[in-house]
Amino acid sequence: MDVAARADASLKTVSRVLNNEPNVRPTTRQRIQQTIAELGYRPSTSARSLAARRAYVIGLTYGNPRHSYLVDVLNGVLDRCREEGYELFLYPFKHDDADVVANIAKAMGNADVGGLILSPPLCDNGEVIQLLDEIELPFARISASSHPDHPSPYVTLDDRAAARDMTSHLLALGHRRIGFIGGPATHPSAHLRLSGYRDALEARGVAFDRTLVVPGAFTLETGRQGAAALLGLRQRPTAIFASNDEMAAGAIVGTREAGLSVPDDVSVAGFDDTYAAKFVWPPLTTVHQPIYDMAHAATGLLLDRLQGRTTGAPLKTFTHSLTIRQSTAPPAG
């Protein structure tokens, strides 16, 4: 503690220098080493052993209400940790919490983790990224849509292109009035998916109709409510594109509650291709996003950095595909 106080550095950073770990700024490392020399500090062998064990722990933060999405993320991160003998701590946060940055700061201050995985939407939160830079905690981001120049490693997917392709598929089936259920404003991916929807309409010469776009929160209930609103329009849509699978499942429920059939009366499509997409009825046409693979890869990028195997900002871009199932068909008539 004396070294940390005199060098104006965190205990975590001093520990990294003592254990000759990477991810410490050269000027900070030099200042701490000079302080150690001035104080004549000699680290305890048992303390260093404990620190070494703690280094084999990483954290995962999540603030995403999508349970099926989270299962794929957790499995991807856990499997990659097990491959290298790392433990995993979970830090859940509400994505719309006004104090989320302060809460993360508090959690990290009490944590014994060597690095952190940020899942959506925290992966795009500039204040969270700045905080982690300030405390010099290495991190990697899953499905990052912003801050591309930040040196942290991350994995990404082109949400805009994926939404454009799904909307184009519905247009190719013959649909012209396509409802869209959006996601939370705090998720950059939600804005990109709406942009992709509009891109496809424009490319086909179909006028954008604001009444066909309703808000959602990536939950089953907001999908149900969104479908009810769209199907209550005087001129209802013949297809609904929900910007995630849980809302699409809710839209199927809402369509049935309106006395309509999927896909005979209304086609429904989603985004993510989570486990649930295969088992709703009818099975869901959706954008396949390789969530498990993305989480697995992001964890690997962080572990590479913690082990000193890479420098710079590694980036891995994943590709999407369309999974066509029975929830979409040409419009009736």
C-alpha atoms as a PDB file:
ATOM      1  CA  MET A   1       0.000   0.000   0.000  1.00  0.00           C
ATOM      2  CA  ASP A   2       2.917   2.382   0.711  1.00  0.00           C
ATOM      3  CA  VAL A   3       4.225   1.856  -2.825  1.00  0.00           C
ATOM      4  CA  ALA A   4       0.780   2.515  -4.351  1.00  0.00           C
ATOM      5  CA  ALA A   5       0.240   5.684  -2.310  1.00  0.00           C
ATOM      6  CA  ARG A   6       3.669   7.155  -3.015  1.00  0.00           C
ATOM      7  CA  ALA A   7       3.584   6.253  -6.730  1.00  0.00           C
ATOM      8  CA  ASP A   8      -0.001   7.544  -7.077  1.00  0.00           C
ATOM      9  CA  ALA A   9      -1.138   4.237  -8.588  1.00  0.00           C
ATOM     10  CA  SER A  10      -3.723   1.569  -7.797  1.00  0.00           C
ATOM     11  CA  LEU A  11      -2.805  -1.589  -5.895  1.00  0.00           C
ATOM     12  CA  LYS A  12      -3.786  -3.571  -8.996  1.00  0.00           C
ATOM     13  CA  THR A  13      -1.283  -1.659 -11.135  1.00  0.00           C
ATOM     14  CA  VAL A  14       1.496  -2.067  -8.555  1.00  0.00           C
ATOM     15  CA  SER A  15       0.731  -5.805  -8.484  1.00  0.00           C
ATOM     16  CA  ARG A  16       1.053  -6.000 -12.263  1.00  0.00           C
ATOM     17  CA  VAL A  17       4.468  -4.322 -12.137  1.00  0.00           C
ATOM     18  CA  LEU A  18       5.666  -6.607  -9.334  1.00  0.00           C
ATOM     19  CA  ASN A  19       4.577  -9.657 -11.314  1.00  0.00           C
ATOM     20  CA  ASN A  20       6.047  -8.291 -14.566  1.00  0.00           C
ATOM     21  CA  GLU A  21       2.640  -8.405 -16.278  1.00  0.00           C
ATOM     22  CA  PRO A  22       1.747  -6.494 -19.486  1.00  0.00           C
ATOM     23  CA  ASN A  23      -0.824  -3.694 -19.885  1.00  0.00           C
ATOM     24  CA  VAL A  24       0.924  -1.078 -17.751  1.00  0.00           C
ATOM     25  CA  ARG A  25       1.866   2.212 -19.355  1.00  0.00           C
ATOM     26  CA  PRO A  26       5.681   2.604 -19.620  1.00  0.00           C
ATOM     27  CA  THR A  27       5.693   5.877 -17.658  1.00  0.00           C
ATOM     28  CA  THR A  28       3.553   4.319 -14.905  1.00  0.00           C
ATOM     29  CA  ARG A  29       5.763   1.214 -14.747  1.00  0.00           C
ATOM     30  CA  GLN A  30       8.897   3.368 -14.499  1.00  0.00           C
ATOM     31  CA  ARG A  31       7.379   5.494 -11.700  1.00  0.00           C
ATOM     32  CA  ILE A  32       6.361   2.432  -9.682  1.00  0.00           C
ATOM     33  CA  GLN A  33       9.736   0.727 -10.147  1.00  0.00           C
ATOM     34  CA  GLN A  34      11.491   3.898  -9.003  1.00  0.00           C
ATOM     35  CA  THR A  35       9.246   4.072  -5.923  1.00  0.00           C
ATOM     36  CA  ILE A  36       9.953   0.410  -5.107  1.00  0.00           C
ATOM     37  CA  ALA A  37      13.687   1.095  -5.293  1.00  0.00           C
ATOM     38  CA  GLU A  38      13.423   4.195  -3.111  1.00  0.00           C
ATOM     39  CA  LEU A  39      11.433   2.358  -0.426  1.00  0.00           C
ATOM     40  CA  GLY A  40      13.549  -0.780  -0.620  1.00  0.00           C
ATOM     41  CA  TYR A  41      10.372  -2.831  -0.961  1.00  0.00           C
ATOM     42  CA  ARG A  42      10.639  -6.637  -1.155  1.00  0.00           C
ATOM     43  CA  PRO A  43       7.407  -8.497  -2.101  1.00  0.00           C
ATOM     44  CA  SER A  44       6.229 -11.387   0.029  1.00  0.00           C
ATOM     45  CA  THR A  45       6.498 -14.752  -1.708  1.00  0.00           C
ATOM     46  CA  SER A  46       3.101 -15.867  -0.360  1.00  0.00           C
ATOM     47  CA  ALA A  47       1.463 -12.601  -1.398  1.00  0.00           C
ATOM     48  CA  ARG A  48       2.813 -12.947  -4.918  1.00  0.00           C
ATOM     49  CA  SER A  49       1.468 -16.495  -5.053  1.00  0.00           C
ATOM     50  CA  LEU A  50      -1.999 -15.244  -4.124  1.00  0.00           C
ATOM     51  CA  ALA A  51      -1.775 -12.471  -6.694  1.00  0.00           C
ATOM     52  CA  ALA A  52      -0.820 -14.967  -9.362  1.00  0.00           C
ATOM     53  CA  ARG A  53      -3.925 -17.014  -8.603  1.00  0.00           C
ATOM     54  CA  ARG A  54      -6.137 -13.928  -8.754  1.00  0.00           C
ATOM     55  CA  ALA A  55      -4.695 -13.093 -12.161  1.00  0.00           C
ATOM     56  CA  TYR A  56      -6.436 -16.185 -13.495  1.00  0.00           C
ATOM     57  CA  VAL A  57      -9.875 -14.637 -13.043  1.00  0.00           C
ATOM     58  CA  ILE A  58     -11.750 -12.449 -15.506  1.00  0.00           C
ATOM     59  CA  GLY A  59     -15.104 -10.711 -15.168  1.00  0.00           C
ATOM     60  CA  LEU A  60     -18.109 -10.472 -17.469  1.00  0.00           C
ATOM     61  CA  THR A  61     -20.422  -7.471 -17.267  1.00  0.00           C
ATOM     62  CA  TYR A  62     -23.850  -7.619 -18.822  1.00  0.00           C
ATOM     63  CA  GLY A  63     -26.858  -5.336 -18.879  1.00  0.00           C
ATOM     64  CA  ASN A  64     -28.924  -7.059 -21.509  1.00  0.00           C
ATOM     65  CA  PRO A  65     -32.443  -8.258 -20.654  1.00  0.00           C
ATOM     66  CA  ARG A  66     -32.401 -10.912 -23.395  1.00  0.00           C
ATOM     67  CA  HIS A  67     -32.094 -14.176 -21.471  1.00  0.00           C
ATOM     68  CA  SER A  68     -31.594 -16.408 -24.505  1.00  0.00           C
ATOM     69  CA  TYR A  69     -28.881 -14.076 -25.835  1.00  0.00           C
ATOM     70  CA  LEU A  70     -27.144 -14.089 -22.464  1.00  0.00           C
ATOM     71  CA  VAL A  71     -27.039 -17.904 -22.329  1.00  0.00           C
ATOM     72  CA  ASP A  72     -25.054 -18.000 -25.593  1.00  0.00           C
ATOM     73  CA  VAL A  73     -22.702 -15.268 -24.334  1.00  0.00           C
ATOM     74  CA  LEU A  74     -22.092 -17.064 -21.033  1.00  0.00           C
ATOM     75  CA  ASN A  75     -21.397 -20.389 -22.715  1.00  0.00           C
ATOM     76  CA  GLY A  76     -18.939 -18.810 -25.145  1.00  0.00           C
ATOM     77  CA  VAL A  77     -17.033 -16.963 -22.401  1.00  0.00           C
ATOM     78  CA  LEU A  78     -17.033 -19.909 -19.988  1.00  0.00           C
ATOM     79  CA  ASP A  79     -15.780 -22.410 -22.548  1.00  0.00           C
ATOM     80  CA  ARG A  80     -12.894 -20.132 -23.546  1.00  0.00           C
ATOM     81  CA  CYS A  81     -11.970 -19.525 -19.895  1.00  0.00           C
ATOM     82  CA  ARG A  82     -11.902 -23.253 -19.185  1.00  0.00           C
ATOM     83  CA  GLU A  83      -9.573 -23.846 -22.113  1.00  0.00           C
ATOM     84  CA  GLU A  84      -6.900 -21.795 -20.326  1.00  0.00           C
ATOM     85  CA  GLY A  85      -7.747 -22.501 -16.705  1.00  0.00           C
ATOM     86  CA  TYR A  86      -9.389 -19.161 -15.932  1.00  0.00           C
ATOM     87  CA  GLU A  87     -12.269 -18.539 -13.545  1.00  0.00           C
ATOM     88  CA  LEU A  88     -15.193 -16.236 -14.375  1.00  0.00           C
ATOM     89  CA  PHE A  89     -16.983 -13.671 -12.202  1.00  0.00           C
ATOM     90  CA  LEU A  90     -20.325 -12.217 -13.321  1.00  0.00           C
ATOM     91  CA  TYR A  91     -21.293  -8.569 -12.844  1.00  0.00           C
ATOM     92  CA  PRO A  92     -24.905  -7.872 -13.879  1.00  0.00           C
ATOM     93  CA  PHE A  93     -25.976  -4.249 -14.337  1.00  0.00           C
ATOM     94  CA  LYS A  94     -29.161  -2.619 -15.533  1.00  0.00           C
ATOM     95  CA  HIS A  95     -28.385  -1.145 -18.941  1.00  0.00           C
ATOM     96  CA  ASP A  96     -30.592   1.891 -18.302  1.00  0.00           C
ATOM     97  CA  ASP A  97     -29.268   2.570 -14.781  1.00  0.00           C
ATOM     98  CA  ALA A  98     -28.208   6.231 -14.483  1.00  0.00           C
ATOM     99  CA  ASP A  99     -25.501   5.163 -11.981  1.00  0.00           C
ATOM    100  CA  VAL A 100     -24.159   2.267 -14.035  1.00  0.00           C
ATOM    101  CA  VAL A 101     -20.659   3.801 -14.335  1.00  0.00           C
ATOM    102  CA  ALA A 102     -20.423   4.445 -10.587  1.00  0.00           C
ATOM    103  CA  ASN A 103     -21.675   0.933  -9.862  1.00  0.00           C
ATOM    104  CA  ILE A 104     -19.115  -0.616 -12.192  1.00  0.00           C
ATOM    105  CA  ALA A 105     -16.375   1.500 -10.584  1.00  0.00           C
ATOM    106  CA  LYS A 106     -17.421   0.230  -7.154  1.00  0.00           C
ATOM    107  CA  ALA A 107     -17.545  -3.386  -8.320  1.00  0.00           C
ATOM    108  CA  MET A 108     -14.151  -3.195  -9.981  1.00  0.00           C
ATOM    109  CA  GLY A 109     -12.656  -1.527  -6.933  1.00  0.00           C
ATOM    110  CA  ASN A 110     -13.597  -4.594  -4.885  1.00  0.00           C
ATOM    111  CA  ALA A 111     -12.780  -7.132  -7.597  1.00  0.00           C
ATOM    112  CA  ASP A 112      -9.787  -9.417  -7.960  1.00  0.00           C
ATOM    113  CA  VAL A 113     -10.012  -9.822 -11.728  1.00  0.00           C
ATOM    114  CA  GLY A 114      -7.248  -9.569 -14.254  1.00  0.00           C
ATOM    115  CA  GLY A 115      -9.513  -8.332 -17.052  1.00  0.00           C
ATOM    116  CA  LEU A 116     -13.101  -7.686 -18.035  1.00  0.00           C
ATOM    117  CA  ILE A 117     -15.451  -8.695 -20.867  1.00  0.00           C
ATOM    118  CA  LEU A 118     -18.019  -6.048 -21.823  1.00  0.00           C
ATOM    119  CA  SER A 119     -21.193  -7.301 -23.499  1.00  0.00           C
ATOM    120  CA  PRO A 120     -23.854  -5.086 -25.128  1.00  0.00           C
ATOM    121  CA  PRO A 121     -24.770  -2.353 -24.447  1.00  0.00           C
ATOM    122  CA  LEU A 122     -21.944  -1.671 -21.953  1.00  0.00           C
ATOM    123  CA  CYS A 123     -19.408  -2.440 -24.680  1.00  0.00           C
ATOM    124  CA  ASP A 124     -20.378   0.854 -26.354  1.00  0.00           C
ATOM    125  CA  ASN A 125     -20.657   3.003 -23.228  1.00  0.00           C
ATOM    126  CA  GLY A 126     -17.974   5.688 -23.526  1.00  0.00           C
ATOM    127  CA  GLU A 127     -17.984   6.470 -19.807  1.00  0.00           C
ATOM    128  CA  VAL A 128     -17.455   2.819 -18.893  1.00  0.00           C
ATOM    129  CA  ILE A 129     -14.583   2.576 -21.385  1.00  0.00           C
ATOM    130  CA  GLN A 130     -13.007   5.749 -19.935  1.00  0.00           C
ATOM    131  CA  LEU A 131     -13.342   4.372 -16.405  1.00  0.00           C
ATOM    132  CA  LEU A 132     -11.581   1.124 -17.288  1.00  0.00           C
ATOM    133  CA  ASP A 133      -8.796   3.093 -18.968  1.00  0.00           C
ATOM    134  CA  GLU A 134      -8.356   5.192 -15.837  1.00  0.00           C
ATOM    135  CA  ILE A 135      -8.042   2.174 -13.534  1.00  0.00           C
ATOM    136  CA  GLU A 136      -5.871   0.422 -16.162  1.00  0.00           C
ATOM    137  CA  LEU A 137      -8.006  -2.708 -16.275  1.00  0.00           C
ATOM    138  CA  PRO A 138      -7.650  -4.633 -19.562  1.00  0.00           C
ATOM    139  CA  PHE A 139     -10.935  -5.408 -21.293  1.00  0.00           C
ATOM    140  CA  ALA A 140     -12.445  -6.793 -24.496  1.00  0.00           C
ATOM    141  CA  ARG A 141     -15.815  -6.000 -26.066  1.00  0.00           C
ATOM    142  CA  ILE A 142     -18.487  -8.241 -27.578  1.00  0.00           C
ATOM    143  CA  SER A 143     -20.586  -6.892 -30.498  1.00  0.00           C
ATOM    144  CA  ALA A 144     -19.086  -3.425 -30.259  1.00  0.00           C
ATOM    145  CA  SER A 145     -20.727  -0.902 -32.611  1.00  0.00           C
ATOM    146  CA  SER A 146     -18.864   2.267 -31.617  1.00  0.00           C
ATOM    147  CA  HIS A 147     -15.422   3.508 -30.494  1.00  0.00           C
ATOM    148  CA  PRO A 148     -13.643   1.570 -33.283  1.00  0.00           C
ATOM    149  CA  ASP A 149     -10.358   3.421 -32.681  1.00  0.00           C
ATOM    150  CA  HIS A 150     -10.080   2.460 -29.023  1.00  0.00           C
ATOM    151  CA  PRO A 151      -7.102   0.123 -28.433  1.00  0.00           C
ATOM    152  CA  SER A 152      -9.173  -2.513 -26.615  1.00  0.00           C
ATOM    153  CA  PRO A 153      -9.732  -5.771 -28.547  1.00  0.00           C
ATOM    154  CA  TYR A 154     -13.272  -6.385 -29.741  1.00  0.00           C
ATOM    155  CA  VAL A 155     -15.480  -8.492 -31.996  1.00  0.00           C
ATOM    156  CA  THR A 156     -18.248  -7.088 -34.150  1.00  0.00           C
ATOM    157  CA  LEU A 157     -20.926  -7.839 -36.720  1.00  0.00           C
ATOM    158  CA  ASP A 158     -22.498  -5.525 -39.311  1.00  0.00           C
ATOM    159  CA  ASP A 159     -25.964  -5.066 -37.778  1.00  0.00           C
ATOM    160  CA  ARG A 160     -27.019  -2.616 -40.452  1.00  0.00           C
ATOM    161  CA  ALA A 161     -26.220  -4.979 -43.316  1.00  0.00           C
ATOM    162  CA  ALA A 162     -27.905  -7.868 -41.492  1.00  0.00           C
ATOM    163  CA  ALA A 163     -31.143  -5.927 -40.982  1.00  0.00           C
ATOM    164  CA  ARG A 164     -31.019  -4.776 -44.600  1.00  0.00           C
ATOM    165  CA  ASP A 165     -30.748  -8.369 -45.798  1.00  0.00           C
ATOM    166  CA  MET A 166     -33.681  -9.542 -43.685  1.00  0.00           C
ATOM    167  CA  THR A 167     -35.879  -6.665 -44.854  1.00  0.00           C
ATOM    168  CA  SER A 168     -34.844  -7.401 -48.441  1.00  0.00           C
ATOM    169  CA  HIS A 169     -35.911 -11.023 -47.938  1.00  0.00           C
ATOM    170  CA  LEU A 170     -39.376  -9.899 -46.819  1.00  0.00           C
ATOM    171  CA  LEU A 171     -39.591  -7.538 -49.787  1.00  0.00           C
ATOM    172  CA  ALA A 172     -38.583 -10.352 -52.138  1.00  0.00           C
ATOM    173  CA  LEU A 173     -41.475 -12.418 -50.785  1.00  0.00           C
ATOM    174  CA  GLY A 174     -43.797  -9.652 -51.933  1.00  0.00           C
ATOM    175  CA  HIS A 175     -44.377  -7.702 -48.710  1.00  0.00           C
ATOM    176  CA  ARG A 176     -44.571  -3.923 -49.025  1.00  0.00           C
ATOM    177  CA  ARG A 177     -46.024  -2.939 -45.658  1.00  0.00           C
ATOM    178  CA  ILE A 178     -43.428  -4.226 -43.232  1.00  0.00           C
ATOM    179  CA  GLY A 179     -43.718  -3.278 -39.579  1.00  0.00           C
ATOM    180  CA  PHE A 180     -40.541  -2.818 -37.539  1.00  0.00           C
ATOM    181  CA  ILE A 181     -40.192  -3.225 -33.762  1.00  0.00           C
ATOM    182  CA  GLY A 182     -37.088  -1.380 -32.593  1.00  0.00           C
ATOM    183  CA  GLY A 183     -34.777  -1.820 -29.616  1.00  0.00           C
ATOM    184  CA  PRO A 184     -33.712   0.359 -26.678  1.00  0.00           C
ATOM    185  CA  ALA A 185     -32.177   3.754 -27.452  1.00  0.00           C
ATOM    186  CA  THR A 186     -29.195   2.789 -25.257  1.00  0.00           C
ATOM    187  CA  HIS A 187     -28.188   0.053 -27.720  1.00  0.00           C
ATOM    188  CA  PRO A 188     -26.276   1.377 -30.767  1.00  0.00           C
ATOM    189  CA  SER A 189     -27.118  -1.886 -32.545  1.00  0.00           C
ATOM    190  CA  ALA A 190     -30.829  -0.997 -32.344  1.00  0.00           C
ATOM    191  CA  HIS A 191     -30.224   2.185 -34.350  1.00  0.00           C
ATOM    192  CA  LEU A 192     -28.129   0.296 -36.897  1.00  0.00           C
ATOM    193  CA  ARG A 193     -30.863  -2.297 -37.412  1.00  0.00           C
ATOM    194  CA  LEU A 194     -33.450   0.408 -38.016  1.00  0.00           C
ATOM    195  CA  SER A 195     -31.081   2.013 -40.535  1.00  0.00           C
ATOM    196  CA  GLY A 196     -30.699  -1.324 -42.333  1.00  0.00           C
ATOM    197  CA  TYR A 197     -34.489  -1.682 -42.519  1.00  0.00           C
ATOM    198  CA  ARG A 198     -34.745   1.765 -44.097  1.00  0.00           C
ATOM    199  CA  ASP A 199     -31.870   1.020 -46.499  1.00  0.00           C
ATOM    200  CA  ALA A 200     -33.705  -1.995 -47.904  1.00  0.00           C
ATOM    201  CA  LEU A 201     -36.949  -0.080 -48.362  1.00  0.00           C
ATOM    202  CA  GLU A 202     -35.150   2.713 -50.172  1.00  0.00           C
ATOM    203  CA  ALA A 203     -33.303   0.259 -52.429  1.00  0.00           C
ATOM    204  CA  ARG A 204     -36.654  -1.241 -53.514  1.00  0.00           C
ATOM    205  CA  GLY A 205     -38.329   2.145 -53.943  1.00  0.00           C
ATOM    206  CA  VAL A 206     -40.714   1.559 -51.043  1.00  0.00           C
ATOM    207  CA  ALA A 207     -41.532   4.740 -49.131  1.00  0.00           C
ATOM    208  CA  PHE A 208     -40.599   4.749 -45.449  1.00  0.00           C
ATOM    209  CA  ASP A 209     -43.726   4.979 -43.268  1.00  0.00           C
ATOM    210  CA  ARG A 210     -43.067   6.125 -39.698  1.00  0.00           C
ATOM    211  CA  THR A 211     -46.347   4.619 -38.485  1.00  0.00           C
ATOM    212  CA  LEU A 212     -44.916   1.180 -39.221  1.00  0.00           C
ATOM    213  CA  VAL A 213     -42.043   1.645 -36.714  1.00  0.00           C
ATOM    214  CA  VAL A 214     -42.810   1.083 -33.028  1.00  0.00           C
ATOM    215  CA  PRO A 215     -40.440   1.080 -30.017  1.00  0.00           C
ATOM    216  CA  GLY A 216     -39.355  -2.016 -28.132  1.00  0.00           C
ATOM    217  CA  ALA A 217     -36.981  -3.017 -25.327  1.00  0.00           C
ATOM    218  CA  PHE A 218     -35.676  -6.392 -26.554  1.00  0.00           C
ATOM    219  CA  THR A 219     -38.219  -8.202 -24.332  1.00  0.00           C
ATOM    220  CA  LEU A 220     -41.050 -10.623 -25.080  1.00  0.00           C
ATOM    221  CA  GLU A 221     -43.681  -8.256 -23.698  1.00  0.00           C
ATOM    222  CA  THR A 222     -42.577  -5.263 -25.800  1.00  0.00           C
ATOM    223  CA  GLY A 223     -42.700  -7.497 -28.877  1.00  0.00           C
ATOM    224  CA  ARG A 224     -46.268  -8.459 -28.016  1.00  0.00           C
ATOM    225  CA  GLN A 225     -47.197  -4.819 -27.438  1.00  0.00           C
ATOM    226  CA  GLY A 226     -45.476  -3.741 -30.645  1.00  0.00           C
ATOM    227  CA  ALA A 227     -47.387  -6.282 -32.705  1.00  0.00           C
ATOM    228  CA  ALA A 228     -50.663  -5.170 -31.123  1.00  0.00           C
ATOM    229  CA  ALA A 229     -49.927  -1.561 -32.065  1.00  0.00           C
ATOM    230  CA  LEU A 230     -48.956  -2.419 -35.640  1.00  0.00           C
ATOM    231  CA  LEU A 231     -51.902  -4.744 -36.221  1.00  0.00           C
ATOM    232  CA  GLY A 232     -54.253  -2.131 -34.840  1.00  0.00           C
ATOM    233  CA  LEU A 233     -53.401   0.254 -37.679  1.00  0.00           C
ATOM    234  CA  ARG A 234     -56.151   0.968 -40.187  1.00  0.00           C
ATOM    235  CA  GLN A 235     -53.901  -0.501 -42.862  1.00  0.00           C
ATOM    236  CA  ARG A 236     -51.984  -3.186 -41.010  1.00  0.00           C
ATOM    237  CA  PRO A 237     -48.642  -4.599 -42.155  1.00  0.00           C
ATOM    238  CA  THR A 238     -48.408  -7.980 -43.840  1.00  0.00           C
ATOM    239  CA  ALA A 239     -45.042  -8.649 -42.193  1.00  0.00           C
ATOM    240  CA  ILE A 240     -43.318  -7.676 -38.929  1.00  0.00           C
ATOM    241  CA  PHE A 241     -39.548  -7.535 -38.490  1.00  0.00           C
ATOM    242  CA  ALA A 242     -38.617  -7.438 -34.795  1.00  0.00           C
ATOM    243  CA  SER A 243     -35.050  -6.407 -34.055  1.00  0.00           C
ATOM    244  CA  ASN A 244     -34.411  -9.392 -31.798  1.00  0.00           C
ATOM    245  CA  ASP A 245     -35.813 -12.906 -31.350  1.00  0.00           C
ATOM    246  CA  GLU A 246     -37.532 -12.363 -28.013  1.00  0.00           C
ATOM    247  CA  MET A 247     -39.569  -9.496 -29.431  1.00  0.00           C
ATOM    248  CA  ALA A 248     -40.314 -11.603 -32.519  1.00  0.00           C
ATOM    249  CA  ALA A 249     -41.659 -14.362 -30.256  1.00  0.00           C
ATOM    250  CA  GLY A 250     -43.773 -11.737 -28.508  1.00  0.00           C
ATOM    251  CA  ALA A 251     -44.969 -10.513 -31.902  1.00  0.00           C
ATOM    252  CA  ILE A 252     -46.177 -14.041 -32.748  1.00  0.00           C
ATOM    253  CA  VAL A 253     -48.174 -14.051 -29.498  1.00  0.00           C
ATOM    254  CA  GLY A 254     -49.567 -10.590 -30.270  1.00  0.00           C
ATOM    255  CA  THR A 255     -50.550 -11.668 -33.770  1.00  0.00           C
ATOM    256  CA  ARG A 256     -52.503 -14.645 -32.450  1.00  0.00           C
ATOM    257  CA  GLU A 257     -54.188 -12.449 -29.856  1.00  0.00           C
ATOM    258  CA  ALA A 258     -55.365 -10.253 -32.723  1.00  0.00           C
ATOM    259  CA  GLY A 259     -57.061 -13.299 -34.270  1.00  0.00           C
ATOM    260  CA  LEU A 260     -54.508 -13.619 -37.067  1.00  0.00           C
ATOM    261  CA  SER A 261     -52.287 -16.485 -38.170  1.00  0.00           C
ATOM    262  CA  VAL A 262     -48.493 -16.619 -38.686  1.00  0.00           C
ATOM    263  CA  PRO A 263     -47.475 -16.714 -41.516  1.00  0.00           C
ATOM    264  CA  ASP A 264     -50.787 -16.991 -43.392  1.00  0.00           C
ATOM    265  CA  ASP A 265     -51.958 -13.513 -42.375  1.00  0.00           C
ATOM    266  CA  VAL A 266     -48.752 -11.935 -41.053  1.00  0.00           C
ATOM    267  CA  SER A 267     -45.125 -12.972 -41.503  1.00  0.00           C
ATOM    268  CA  VAL A 268     -42.805 -12.458 -38.506  1.00  0.00           C
ATOM    269  CA  ALA A 269     -38.991 -12.301 -38.561  1.00  0.00           C
ATOM    270  CA  GLY A 270     -36.410 -11.767 -35.828  1.00  0.00           C
ATOM    271  CA  PHE A 271     -32.716 -11.152 -35.226  1.00  0.00           C
ATOM    272  CA  ASP A 272     -30.019 -13.216 -33.397  1.00  0.00           C
ATOM    273  CA  ASP A 273     -31.072 -16.856 -34.039  1.00  0.00           C
ATOM    274  CA  THR A 274     -31.069 -17.726 -30.355  1.00  0.00           C
ATOM    275  CA  TYR A 275     -32.045 -21.111 -28.962  1.00  0.00           C
ATOM    276  CA  ALA A 276     -35.661 -19.973 -28.562  1.00  0.00           C
ATOM    277  CA  ALA A 277     -36.008 -19.173 -32.291  1.00  0.00           C
ATOM    278  CA  LYS A 278     -36.102 -22.893 -33.107  1.00  0.00           C
ATOM    279  CA  PHE A 279     -38.850 -23.735 -30.628  1.00  0.00           C
ATOM    280  CA  VAL A 280     -41.468 -21.004 -30.946  1.00  0.00           C
ATOM    281  CA  TRP A 281     -44.346 -21.936 -33.228  1.00  0.00           C
ATOM    282  CA  PRO A 282     -44.025 -21.539 -36.060  1.00  0.00           C
ATOM    283  CA  PRO A 283     -40.216 -21.686 -35.925  1.00  0.00           C
ATOM    284  CA  LEU A 284     -38.753 -18.244 -36.469  1.00  0.00           C
ATOM    285  CA  THR A 285     -37.135 -16.842 -39.598  1.00  0.00           C
ATOM    286  CA  THR A 286     -34.275 -14.754 -38.235  1.00  0.00           C
ATOM    287  CA  VAL A 287     -30.846 -13.235 -38.778  1.00  0.00           C
ATOM    288  CA  HIS A 288     -28.226 -15.698 -37.570  1.00  0.00           C
ATOM    289  CA  GLN A 289     -25.685 -13.928 -35.381  1.00  0.00           C
ATOM    290  CA  PRO A 290     -22.951 -16.310 -34.101  1.00  0.00           C
ATOM    291  CA  ILE A 291     -23.281 -15.127 -30.483  1.00  0.00           C
ATOM    292  CA  TYR A 292     -21.429 -18.056 -28.902  1.00  0.00           C
ATOM    293  CA  ASP A 293     -18.526 -17.743 -31.344  1.00  0.00           C
ATOM    294  CA  MET A 294     -18.327 -13.982 -30.830  1.00  0.00           C
ATOM    295  CA  ALA A 295     -18.217 -14.323 -27.035  1.00  0.00           C
ATOM    296  CA  HIS A 296     -15.652 -17.124 -27.290  1.00  0.00           C
ATOM    297  CA  ALA A 297     -13.456 -15.039 -29.604  1.00  0.00           C
ATOM    298  CA  ALA A 298     -13.666 -11.861 -27.504  1.00  0.00           C
ATOM    299  CA  THR A 299     -12.601 -13.830 -24.430  1.00  0.00           C
ATOM    300  CA  GLY A 300      -9.690 -15.278 -26.375  1.00  0.00           C
ATOM    301  CA  LEU A 301      -8.573 -11.793 -27.423  1.00  0.00           C
ATOM    302  CA  LEU A 302      -8.593 -10.656 -23.798  1.00  0.00           C
ATOM    303  CA  LEU A 303      -6.687 -13.735 -22.613  1.00  0.00           C
ATOM    304  CA  ASP A 304      -4.113 -13.186 -25.367  1.00  0.00           C
ATOM    305  CA  ARG A 305      -3.563  -9.685 -24.026  1.00  0.00           C
ATOM    306  CA  LEU A 306      -3.366 -10.811 -20.399  1.00  0.00           C
ATOM    307  CA  GLN A 307      -0.792 -13.433 -21.352  1.00  0.00           C
ATOM    308  CA  GLY A 308       1.238 -10.950 -23.364  1.00  0.00           C
ATOM    309  CA  ARG A 309       0.625 -12.794 -26.626  1.00  0.00           C
ATOM    310  CA  THR A 310      -0.605  -9.725 -28.523  1.00  0.00           C
ATOM    311  CA  THR A 311      -0.268  -5.967 -28.572  1.00  0.00           C
ATOM    312  CA  GLY A 312      -2.333  -3.304 -30.308  1.00  0.00           C
ATOM    313  CA  ALA A 313      -6.070  -3.641 -30.917  1.00  0.00           C
ATOM    314  CA  PRO A 314      -7.018  -7.010 -32.429  1.00  0.00           C
ATOM    315  CA  LEU A 315     -10.396  -6.983 -34.131  1.00  0.00           C
ATOM    316  CA  LYS A 316     -12.447  -9.899 -35.400  1.00  0.00           C
ATOM    317  CA  THR A 317     -15.432  -9.248 -37.660  1.00  0.00           C
ATOM    318  CA  PHE A 318     -18.097 -11.943 -37.900  1.00  0.00           C
ATOM    319  CA  THR A 319     -20.561 -12.444 -40.738  1.00  0.00           C
ATOM    320  CA  HIS A 320     -24.305 -12.938 -40.509  1.00  0.00           C
ATOM    321  CA  SER A 321     -26.642 -15.161 -42.490  1.00  0.00           C
ATOM    322  CA  LEU A 322     -30.396 -15.543 -42.818  1.00  0.00           C
ATOM    323  CA  THR A 323     -32.056 -18.573 -41.266  1.00  0.00           C
ATOM    324  CA  ILE A 324     -35.337 -19.101 -43.099  1.00  0.00           C
ATOM    325  CA  ARG A 325     -38.012 -21.019 -41.185  1.00  0.00           C
ATOM    326  CA  GLN A 326     -41.806 -21.281 -41.249  1.00  0.00           C
ATOM    327  CA  SER A 327     -42.727 -17.891 -39.731  1.00  0.00           C
ATOM    328  CA  THR A 328     -42.434 -16.061 -43.083  1.00  0.00           C
ATOM    329  CA  ALA A 329     -44.232 -16.557 -46.386  1.00  0.00           C
ATOM    330  CA  PRO A 330     -45.534 -14.479 -49.299  1.00  0.00           C
ATOM    331  CA  PRO A 331     -48.434 -12.202 -48.355  1.00  0.00           C
ATOM    332  CA  ALA A 332     -51.903 -13.662 -48.712  1.00  0.00           C
ATOM    333  CA  GLY A 333     -53.502 -12.965 -52.064  1.00  0.00           C
END
